[in-house]
Amino acid sequence: MLAKKRKFSAIVYREEDMYVAFCPEVGTASQGRTIESALKNLREATELYLED
C-alpha cells in the first residue's frame, strides 16, 4: 500500500532553552534544543499520530 504524502504547517517558537514545534492542522507538538531537532521530532510525532 502506498502512503500519501501530505504537507502540514509547523509553528516553531523558543521557550527558555528549547524550541517548541507545533502542527496546528493535526494538533501534535514536540521540542528540541535546535530548530532542526524540534522539526524532526515533530515530524516523527505527527507520523506516529497519523498511523492510527
Protein backbone atom coordinates (compact mmCIF):
# COMPACT_ATOMS: atom_id res chain seq x y z
CA MET A 1 0.00 0.00 0.00
CA LEU A 2 1.38 3.38 -0.97
CA ALA A 3 1.42 6.12 1.62
CA LYS A 4 0.09 9.52 0.63
CA LYS A 5 2.43 12.44 1.10
CA ARG A 6 0.76 15.35 2.80
CA LYS A 7 2.15 18.70 3.79
CA PHE A 8 1.39 20.33 7.11
CA SER A 9 2.34 23.64 8.70
CA ALA A 10 4.73 23.94 11.60
CA ILE A 11 4.88 26.79 14.07
CA VAL A 12 8.21 26.98 15.88
CA TYR A 13 8.94 29.18 18.86
CA ARG A 14 11.60 29.40 21.54
CA GLU A 15 10.69 28.62 25.12
CA GLU A 16 13.61 29.19 27.51
CA ASP A 17 16.44 26.93 26.24
CA MET A 18 14.29 24.74 23.93
CA TYR A 19 12.46 25.16 20.65
CA VAL A 20 8.84 24.03 20.51
CA ALA A 21 7.31 22.91 17.20
CA PHE A 22 3.53 22.68 16.80
CA CYS A 23 1.43 21.38 13.91
CA PRO A 24 -1.91 23.23 14.02
CA GLU A 25 -3.66 21.00 11.46
CA VAL A 26 -3.10 17.83 13.49
CA GLY A 27 -2.51 19.21 16.99
CA THR A 28 0.82 17.47 17.55
CA ALA A 29 3.74 19.16 19.26
CA SER A 30 7.33 18.39 20.11
CA GLN A 31 10.52 20.10 21.17
CA GLY A 32 14.27 20.09 20.66
CA ARG A 33 17.43 22.01 21.50
CA THR A 34 17.64 23.29 17.89
CA ILE A 35 15.01 24.25 15.35
CA GLU A 36 16.04 21.31 13.19
CA SER A 37 15.69 18.79 16.01
CA ALA A 38 12.33 20.25 17.06
CA LEU A 39 11.06 19.88 13.49
CA LYS A 40 12.45 16.34 13.18
CA ASN A 41 10.77 15.36 16.45
CA LEU A 42 7.50 16.97 15.32
CA ARG A 43 7.63 15.06 12.03
CA GLU A 44 8.10 11.77 13.92
CA ALA A 45 5.32 12.59 16.39
CA THR A 46 2.93 13.52 13.59
CA GLU A 47 3.72 10.35 11.61
CA LEU A 48 3.06 8.22 14.69
CA TYR A 49 -0.19 10.07 15.40
CA LEU A 50 -1.43 9.59 11.83
CA GLU A 51 -0.61 5.85 11.80
CA ASP A 52 -3.67 5.11 13.95
